[in-house]
Amino acid sequence: MGISELLRTAFRSLRANRKRSFLTIIGILIGIAAVITILGIGNGITKTMYDQFGNHSKTGEQTTEIFFASTNDSTVNGFNQEDIDNLKRQFAGQFKSVRIEHETANLNQTAMVGMTNKRISVSLLRSPTKDIKLVAGHQPTRAQYSAGKPVAMMKEAVAKKQYGTAQNALGTTVEVGKTTYRVVGVYHNQAAYTLEGGVNKFGVDLLLPKQLYYQGSSATSGNTIKLIFDQGQHASKVSSRVAKYLKKNGSAASKGLYQYEDMEKELKQFASQMKIITSFISFIAAISLFIAGIGVMNMMYISVSERTQEIGIRLAVGATPGNIMMQFLIEAVVLTVTGGLLGFLCGAGLAHLIAPLMAHAIGNGVHLHAHVTIGSFLLAFGTSASIGLIFGILPARQAANKNLIDILR
């Protein structure tokens, strides 16, 4: 018998027992779908981390950052324009560009709120945001942000403590540094930390325009620099040398510490840990595949028992034991591969559905998308086919070993 004839026979036999075949396929489908869902979400989290903090493969660039931490004076800036010029001369051709990065989230400041001088937390915005809910007033317009207008939004808790109600805070002034801002909106309180343990950008006391906050000398100084490299350059090695140079020659070398954090190395460690966690959870989910495999074996044993006469007739008309064995083995593989492919589609769909829901639960502008790879497809196909072969071999062998004389008796 040819392969095509064996396949046609296998499909006819499975259609003859549709309910039993369907339930067996469901068992494989659930196991494969669970594994693919977990892998898709795990890969999506890793890819999101690399997209946000890793090398920019889309633009062909790599970026690294060097930080300055003051030892005793929080007003000291670790970098100024002179430092940038020195680095460009000292490391000419070793990086594409370097610039001062200004912090925009959770800055600690002393401000005059009403008639009270107090410590507050501040985050800076470039444009209106959808990540806050207003309880009074309105957000500054995009034009006001771009023009650096002295407008601000205040946290509801601060407004109520200082002015009694959120509405009373509108139109009041807040002096931060040398700039006086007018409060145009009051936003709902948010937690200081996100669900994953990070600092919440919108859990601060005030939201101010970045364009106005960094002006004059503050625009050309800061505590972080960003180095940009072309793809293929040794970003980590060069960044380490830059940090060592700054420790000796930086403008604030005697007042603090210059530090380089190898984000790519940390991301690789994160990816490794994520892979271990994902593999462990997938292993737990794969237990259902073993149980489904037992179901396949049980169904095939029942099928062999019910089709004794069919086996005898095939042997009588010239079919070999190898043909009989191959027929039942193909039936088992068709069952499991069908379940595996359907499981892959269901798992991929679930992963793409769950990932945005997770991102929404985390909030704070986190964007998370599932990442289902061709490797996941091959895993689903290979695993389901292997289950069919492993759990179908014994029933198929039993069918092939039946004796024609015993059957005729």
Protein backbone atom coordinates (compact mmCIF):
# COMPACT_ATOMS: atom_id res chain seq x y z
CA MET A 1 0.00 0.00 0.00
CA GLY A 2 1.25 3.45 -0.88
CA ILE A 3 1.45 6.36 1.53
CA SER A 4 -1.47 8.13 -0.16
CA GLU A 5 -3.67 5.03 0.21
CA LEU A 6 -2.65 4.66 3.85
CA LEU A 7 -3.54 8.32 4.50
CA ARG A 8 -6.96 7.95 2.85
CA THR A 9 -7.65 4.84 4.90
CA ALA A 10 -6.55 6.58 8.10
CA PHE A 11 -8.86 9.55 7.48
CA ARG A 12 -11.81 7.24 6.71
CA SER A 13 -11.24 5.33 9.94
CA LEU A 14 -11.03 8.52 12.01
CA ARG A 15 -14.21 9.90 10.43
CA ALA A 16 -15.99 6.68 11.35
CA ASN A 17 -15.36 7.51 15.05
CA ARG A 18 -15.77 11.28 14.97
CA LYS A 19 -16.67 11.89 18.61
CA ARG A 20 -13.80 9.77 19.92
CA SER A 21 -11.36 11.39 17.48
CA PHE A 22 -12.61 14.87 18.38
CA LEU A 23 -12.13 14.31 22.14
CA THR A 24 -8.64 12.94 21.55
CA ILE A 25 -7.74 15.98 19.42
CA ILE A 26 -9.05 18.29 22.16
CA GLY A 27 -6.65 16.74 24.68
CA ILE A 28 -3.64 17.47 22.45
CA LEU A 29 -5.00 20.92 21.56
CA ILE A 30 -5.23 22.04 25.19
CA GLY A 31 -1.68 20.94 26.03
CA ILE A 32 -0.11 22.54 22.94
CA ALA A 33 -2.16 25.74 23.35
CA ALA A 34 -1.02 26.14 26.97
CA VAL A 35 2.66 25.79 26.04
CA ILE A 36 2.42 28.15 23.03
CA THR A 37 0.57 30.78 25.09
CA ILE A 38 3.26 30.74 27.79
CA LEU A 39 6.10 30.86 25.24
CA GLY A 40 4.42 33.66 23.27
CA ILE A 41 3.95 35.87 26.34
CA GLY A 42 7.43 35.07 27.70
CA ASN A 43 9.07 35.91 24.36
CA GLY A 44 6.93 39.06 24.14
CA ILE A 45 8.13 40.29 27.55
CA THR A 46 11.77 39.66 26.59
CA LYS A 47 11.35 41.37 23.20
CA THR A 48 9.67 44.37 24.87
CA MET A 49 12.60 44.74 27.25
CA TYR A 50 15.10 44.60 24.38
CA ASP A 51 13.09 47.10 22.33
CA GLN A 52 13.02 49.57 25.23
CA PHE A 53 16.50 49.12 26.69
CA GLY A 54 18.57 47.11 24.22
CA ASN A 55 20.30 47.80 20.97
CA HIS A 56 18.11 49.53 18.38
CA SER A 57 18.21 46.95 15.62
CA LYS A 58 15.54 48.82 13.60
CA THR A 59 17.68 51.95 13.33
CA GLY A 60 20.99 50.11 13.17
CA GLU A 61 22.18 51.87 16.34
CA GLN A 62 23.27 50.92 19.84
CA THR A 63 22.91 53.17 22.86
CA THR A 64 24.52 53.15 26.29
CA GLU A 65 24.24 55.49 29.26
CA ILE A 66 26.71 56.70 31.89
CA PHE A 67 25.38 58.09 35.16
CA PHE A 68 26.77 60.47 37.76
CA ALA A 69 25.93 60.06 41.45
CA SER A 70 26.87 62.92 43.78
CA THR A 71 28.39 61.91 47.10
CA ASN A 72 27.16 64.81 49.24
CA ASP A 73 25.66 67.66 47.20
CA SER A 74 22.46 66.84 45.29
CA THR A 75 22.67 70.12 43.33
CA VAL A 76 25.91 69.14 41.58
CA ASN A 77 25.60 68.12 37.92
CA GLY A 78 28.05 65.51 36.72
CA PHE A 79 28.13 66.57 33.06
CA ASN A 80 28.33 69.87 31.23
CA GLN A 81 29.08 70.95 27.68
CA GLU A 82 32.82 70.93 28.37
CA ASP A 83 32.65 67.23 29.28
CA ILE A 84 30.81 66.50 26.03
CA ASP A 85 33.42 68.35 23.97
CA ASN A 86 36.29 66.55 25.76
CA LEU A 87 34.71 63.14 25.09
CA LYS A 88 34.24 63.96 21.41
CA ARG A 89 37.94 64.82 21.13
CA GLN A 90 39.27 62.00 23.30
CA PHE A 91 37.16 59.24 21.70
CA ALA A 92 36.84 60.62 18.19
CA GLY A 93 35.47 57.99 15.78
CA GLN A 94 34.73 55.47 18.54
CA PHE A 95 31.07 56.43 18.86
CA LYS A 96 28.54 58.11 16.62
CA SER A 97 27.44 60.85 19.01
CA VAL A 98 27.09 61.76 22.68
CA ARG A 99 24.58 63.99 24.41
CA ILE A 100 23.35 64.91 27.86
CA GLU A 101 20.14 63.10 28.84
CA HIS A 102 17.82 64.94 31.18
CA GLU A 103 15.78 62.98 33.68
CA THR A 104 12.05 63.40 33.24
CA ALA A 105 10.49 61.23 35.96
CA ASN A 106 10.28 61.44 39.74
CA LEU A 107 12.60 64.38 40.32
CA ASN A 108 12.85 65.65 43.90
CA GLN A 109 12.57 69.41 44.26
CA THR A 110 11.94 72.14 46.79
CA ALA A 111 8.93 74.24 45.76
CA MET A 112 6.80 77.08 47.06
CA VAL A 113 3.23 75.75 47.02
CA GLY A 114 0.96 78.63 47.96
CA MET A 115 2.72 80.16 50.96
CA THR A 116 4.39 76.89 52.01
CA ASN A 117 7.93 75.83 51.15
CA LYS A 118 8.00 72.03 50.85
CA ARG A 119 9.73 69.05 49.19
CA ILE A 120 7.80 67.67 46.25
CA SER A 121 8.21 65.13 43.45
CA VAL A 122 8.01 66.21 39.82
CA SER A 123 7.73 64.52 36.42
CA LEU A 124 8.17 66.29 33.11
CA LEU A 125 5.98 65.98 30.01
CA ARG A 126 6.49 66.92 26.35
CA SER A 127 2.81 66.68 25.38
CA PRO A 128 -0.65 65.84 26.79
CA THR A 129 -0.98 62.30 28.13
CA LYS A 130 -3.77 59.72 28.39
CA ASP A 131 -2.20 58.11 31.46
CA ILE A 132 -3.81 60.46 33.98
CA LYS A 133 -7.43 61.15 34.91
CA LEU A 134 -8.35 64.78 35.55
CA VAL A 135 -10.61 65.66 38.48
CA ALA A 136 -10.58 69.42 37.82
CA GLY A 137 -9.37 71.82 35.13
CA HIS A 138 -7.68 70.70 31.94
CA GLN A 139 -4.34 69.53 30.59
CA PRO A 140 -1.93 72.02 28.97
CA THR A 141 -2.20 71.99 25.18
CA ARG A 142 0.47 70.62 22.89
CA ALA A 143 1.28 74.19 21.83
CA GLN A 144 1.81 75.24 25.46
CA TYR A 145 4.19 72.33 26.02
CA SER A 146 6.15 73.14 22.86
CA ALA A 147 6.38 76.84 23.73
CA GLY A 148 7.44 76.11 27.30
CA LYS A 149 4.54 77.95 28.93
CA PRO A 150 4.68 78.04 32.77
CA VAL A 151 1.65 75.80 33.37
CA ALA A 152 1.40 72.82 35.70
CA MET A 153 -0.86 70.00 36.83
CA MET A 154 -1.14 69.11 40.51
CA LYS A 155 -1.88 65.82 42.24
CA GLU A 156 -5.32 65.69 43.88
CA ALA A 157 -3.94 64.83 47.34
CA VAL A 158 -1.59 67.85 47.29
CA ALA A 159 -4.39 70.15 46.07
CA LYS A 160 -6.80 69.05 48.80
CA LYS A 161 -4.19 69.29 51.54
CA GLN A 162 -3.08 72.75 50.49
CA TYR A 163 -6.32 74.32 49.25
CA GLY A 164 -9.16 72.18 50.62
CA THR A 165 -10.56 71.09 47.24
CA ALA A 166 -9.21 70.30 43.79
CA GLN A 167 -11.22 73.16 42.29
CA ASN A 168 -9.66 75.70 44.66
CA ALA A 169 -6.17 74.75 43.43
CA LEU A 170 -6.92 75.87 39.87
CA GLY A 171 -5.30 79.20 39.04
CA THR A 172 -2.89 79.09 42.00
CA THR A 173 0.86 79.28 41.51
CA VAL A 174 3.75 76.96 42.32
CA GLU A 175 7.34 78.15 42.30
CA VAL A 176 9.88 75.48 41.30
CA GLY A 177 13.45 76.67 41.00
CA LYS A 178 13.28 80.16 39.56
CA THR A 179 10.09 79.59 37.58
CA THR A 180 6.54 80.26 38.74
CA TYR A 181 3.96 77.89 37.25
CA ARG A 182 0.18 78.35 37.13
CA VAL A 183 -1.93 75.28 38.02
CA VAL A 184 -4.37 74.54 35.18
CA GLY A 185 -5.38 70.97 36.09
CA VAL A 186 -5.66 68.58 39.02
CA TYR A 187 -5.29 64.84 38.36
CA HIS A 188 -6.38 61.75 40.23
CA ASN A 189 -3.97 60.22 42.75
CA GLN A 190 -1.80 57.36 41.51
CA ALA A 191 0.43 54.95 43.42
CA ALA A 192 4.12 55.82 43.71
CA TYR A 193 5.08 52.37 42.35
CA THR A 194 3.88 50.23 39.48
CA LEU A 195 2.64 46.66 39.82
CA GLU A 196 6.04 45.30 38.76
CA GLY A 197 7.86 47.34 41.43
CA GLY A 198 9.12 50.22 39.29
CA VAL A 199 8.63 53.91 40.09
CA ASN A 200 5.41 55.35 38.65
CA LYS A 201 6.05 58.44 36.55
CA PHE A 202 2.53 59.71 37.24
CA GLY A 203 2.55 59.14 40.99
CA VAL A 204 4.28 62.49 41.60
CA ASP A 205 3.01 65.75 43.11
CA LEU A 206 3.41 67.93 40.01
CA LEU A 207 3.56 67.47 36.23
CA LEU A 208 5.52 70.24 34.46
CA PRO A 209 6.54 71.06 30.85
CA LYS A 210 10.00 69.67 30.09
CA GLN A 211 10.78 72.44 27.61
CA LEU A 212 10.53 75.08 30.32
CA TYR A 213 12.03 73.06 33.16
CA TYR A 214 15.33 72.59 31.30
CA GLN A 215 16.41 75.99 30.04
CA GLY A 216 19.50 78.14 30.26
CA SER A 217 22.41 76.42 32.05
CA SER A 218 20.25 73.44 33.07
CA ALA A 219 19.74 72.62 29.39
CA THR A 220 23.50 72.07 28.93
CA SER A 221 24.13 70.13 32.14
CA GLY A 222 22.84 66.98 33.76
CA ASN A 223 23.66 63.71 35.49
CA THR A 224 23.32 61.30 32.56
CA ILE A 225 24.90 61.10 29.12
CA LYS A 226 23.82 58.87 26.27
CA LEU A 227 26.38 57.41 23.87
CA ILE A 228 25.14 56.35 20.43
CA PHE A 229 27.05 53.77 18.38
CA ASP A 230 26.65 52.37 14.90
CA GLN A 231 25.71 48.71 14.74
CA GLY A 232 28.84 46.57 15.01
CA GLN A 233 30.87 48.97 17.15
CA HIS A 234 32.08 47.75 20.55
CA ALA A 235 29.61 49.75 22.62
CA SER A 236 30.29 48.07 25.98
CA LYS A 237 34.08 48.32 25.76
CA VAL A 238 34.08 51.94 24.63
CA SER A 239 31.52 52.92 27.27
CA SER A 240 33.64 51.32 30.00
CA ARG A 241 36.68 53.31 28.82
CA VAL A 242 34.61 56.52 28.76
CA ALA A 243 33.50 55.92 32.36
CA LYS A 244 37.12 55.37 33.46
CA TYR A 245 38.17 58.55 31.68
CA LEU A 246 35.44 60.55 33.41
CA LYS A 247 36.42 59.24 36.85
CA LYS A 248 39.75 61.01 36.38
CA ASN A 249 38.87 63.93 34.11
CA GLY A 250 35.15 64.61 34.55
CA SER A 251 34.07 68.11 35.64
CA ALA A 252 32.65 66.66 38.89
CA ALA A 253 35.12 63.81 39.41
CA SER A 254 35.93 64.95 42.96
CA LYS A 255 32.28 65.36 43.94
CA GLY A 256 30.77 62.03 42.98
CA LEU A 257 31.05 58.80 41.03
CA TYR A 258 30.64 58.13 37.30
CA GLN A 259 29.06 54.74 36.61
CA TYR A 260 28.39 52.73 33.47
CA GLU A 261 25.72 50.04 33.57
CA ASP A 262 26.01 47.44 30.82
CA MET A 263 22.30 47.25 29.97
CA GLU A 264 22.89 44.69 27.22
CA LYS A 265 24.54 42.35 29.72
CA GLU A 266 21.69 42.84 32.17
CA LEU A 267 19.16 42.18 29.42
CA LYS A 268 20.90 38.93 28.54
CA GLN A 269 20.73 37.88 32.18
CA PHE A 270 17.05 38.85 32.27
CA ALA A 271 16.38 36.89 29.06
CA SER A 272 18.17 33.86 30.52
CA GLN A 273 16.11 34.03 33.72
CA MET A 274 12.93 34.55 31.71
CA LYS A 275 13.77 31.51 29.61
CA ILE A 276 14.22 29.37 32.74
CA ILE A 277 10.89 30.54 34.18
CA THR A 278 9.10 30.04 30.86
CA SER A 279 10.62 26.58 30.41
CA PHE A 280 9.59 25.54 33.91
CA ILE A 281 5.99 26.71 33.45
CA SER A 282 5.91 25.09 30.00
CA PHE A 283 7.11 21.83 31.55
CA ILE A 284 4.18 21.97 34.00
CA ALA A 285 1.80 22.62 31.11
CA ALA A 286 3.38 19.78 29.12
CA ILE A 287 2.16 17.28 31.72
CA SER A 288 -1.25 17.62 30.08
CA LEU A 289 0.38 16.50 26.82
CA PHE A 290 1.55 13.30 28.49
CA ILE A 291 -1.98 12.67 29.73
CA ALA A 292 -3.32 13.40 26.23
CA GLY A 293 -0.77 10.93 24.86
CA ILE A 294 -2.14 8.24 27.15
CA GLY A 295 -5.58 9.08 25.74
CA VAL A 296 -4.25 8.59 22.20
CA MET A 297 -2.83 5.20 23.15
CA ASN A 298 -6.08 4.15 24.78
CA MET A 299 -8.10 5.18 21.73
CA MET A 300 -5.78 3.29 19.39
CA TYR A 301 -5.95 0.12 21.49
CA ILE A 302 -9.75 0.31 21.37
CA SER A 303 -9.61 0.90 17.62
CA VAL A 304 -7.35 -2.14 17.10
CA SER A 305 -9.70 -4.29 19.19
CA GLU A 306 -12.80 -3.16 17.28
CA ARG A 307 -11.23 -3.63 13.85
CA THR A 308 -9.94 -7.18 14.18
CA GLN A 309 -12.02 -8.38 11.23
CA GLU A 310 -10.76 -5.49 9.06
CA ILE A 311 -7.17 -6.41 9.92
CA GLY A 312 -7.85 -10.05 9.04
CA ILE A 313 -9.35 -9.15 5.67
CA ARG A 314 -6.39 -6.92 4.82
CA LEU A 315 -3.94 -9.66 5.75
CA ALA A 316 -5.95 -12.15 3.67
CA VAL A 317 -5.81 -10.01 0.53
CA GLY A 318 -2.05 -9.53 0.77
CA ALA A 319 -1.37 -6.67 3.18
CA THR A 320 1.86 -7.12 5.12
CA PRO A 321 2.21 -6.64 8.91
CA GLY A 322 4.26 -3.55 8.05
CA ASN A 323 1.28 -2.11 6.12
CA ILE A 324 -1.03 -2.74 9.07
CA MET A 325 1.39 -1.17 11.51
CA MET A 326 1.93 1.85 9.30
CA GLN A 327 -1.83 2.37 8.87
CA PHE A 328 -2.51 2.56 12.62
CA LEU A 329 0.61 4.64 13.24
CA ILE A 330 -0.49 7.17 10.62
CA GLU A 331 -3.92 7.37 12.26
CA ALA A 332 -2.29 8.22 15.60
CA VAL A 333 -0.02 10.85 14.02
CA VAL A 334 -2.88 12.44 12.07
CA LEU A 335 -4.85 12.77 15.32
CA THR A 336 -2.01 14.37 17.26
CA VAL A 337 -0.72 16.63 14.47
CA THR A 338 -4.26 17.95 13.88
CA GLY A 339 -4.54 18.68 17.59
CA GLY A 340 -1.07 20.25 17.59
CA LEU A 341 -1.77 22.62 14.69
CA LEU A 342 -5.12 23.67 16.15
CA GLY A 343 -3.42 24.07 19.53
CA PHE A 344 -0.78 26.32 17.98
CA LEU A 345 -3.45 28.57 16.46
CA CYS A 346 -5.40 28.72 19.74
CA GLY A 347 -2.22 29.32 21.77
CA ALA A 348 -1.04 32.11 19.47
CA GLY A 349 -4.47 33.72 19.63
CA LEU A 350 -4.59 33.50 23.43
CA ALA A 351 -1.09 34.94 23.75
CA HIS A 352 -2.00 37.95 21.59
CA LEU A 353 -5.19 38.42 23.61
CA ILE A 354 -3.63 38.07 27.09
CA ALA A 355 -0.51 40.21 26.50
CA PRO A 356 -2.40 43.52 25.97
CA LEU A 357 -4.60 42.72 28.98
CA MET A 358 -1.45 42.27 31.09
CA ALA A 359 -0.08 45.59 29.77
CA HIS A 360 -3.38 47.31 30.59
CA ALA A 361 -3.28 45.88 34.13
CA ILE A 362 0.27 47.18 34.61
CA GLY A 363 -0.63 50.57 33.11
CA ASN A 364 1.83 53.50 33.04
CA GLY A 365 2.25 53.40 29.28
CA VAL A 366 3.61 49.84 29.19
CA HIS A 367 3.08 48.24 25.77
CA LEU A 368 3.32 44.45 25.67
CA HIS A 369 2.70 42.26 22.64
CA ALA A 370 3.00 38.49 22.32
CA HIS A 371 5.84 37.22 20.15
CA VAL A 372 5.10 33.84 18.57
CA THR A 373 8.08 32.62 16.54
CA ILE A 374 8.55 30.03 13.82
CA GLY A 375 10.36 28.01 16.48
CA SER A 376 7.11 27.83 18.46
CA PHE A 377 5.32 26.49 15.39
CA LEU A 378 7.99 23.86 14.82
CA LEU A 379 7.80 22.95 18.51
CA ALA A 380 4.02 22.47 18.29
CA PHE A 381 4.27 20.42 15.10
CA GLY A 382 7.24 18.33 16.26
CA THR A 383 5.83 17.66 19.72
CA SER A 384 2.42 16.60 18.45
CA ALA A 385 3.94 14.34 15.79
CA SER A 386 6.28 12.80 18.38
CA ILE A 387 3.36 12.10 20.72
CA GLY A 388 1.56 10.30 17.88
CA LEU A 389 4.62 8.18 17.10
CA ILE A 390 5.51 7.40 20.73
CA PHE A 391 2.02 6.63 22.01
CA GLY A 392 0.79 5.06 18.78
CA ILE A 393 3.63 2.59 18.25
CA LEU A 394 2.46 -0.03 20.76
CA PRO A 395 -1.16 -0.24 19.53
CA ALA A 396 0.10 -0.26 15.92
CA ARG A 397 2.52 -3.07 16.73
CA GLN A 398 -0.26 -5.06 18.39
CA ALA A 399 -2.36 -4.69 15.25
CA ALA A 400 0.55 -5.78 13.03
CA ASN A 401 1.30 -8.86 15.18
CA LYS A 402 -2.23 -10.29 14.89
CA ASN A 403 -2.23 -13.77 13.39
CA LEU A 404 -4.50 -14.38 10.38
CA ILE A 405 -5.33 -17.94 11.53
CA ASP A 406 -6.35 -16.70 14.98
CA ILE A 407 -8.52 -14.01 13.45
CA LEU A 408 -10.31 -16.52 11.15
CA ARG A 409 -11.05 -18.76 14.15
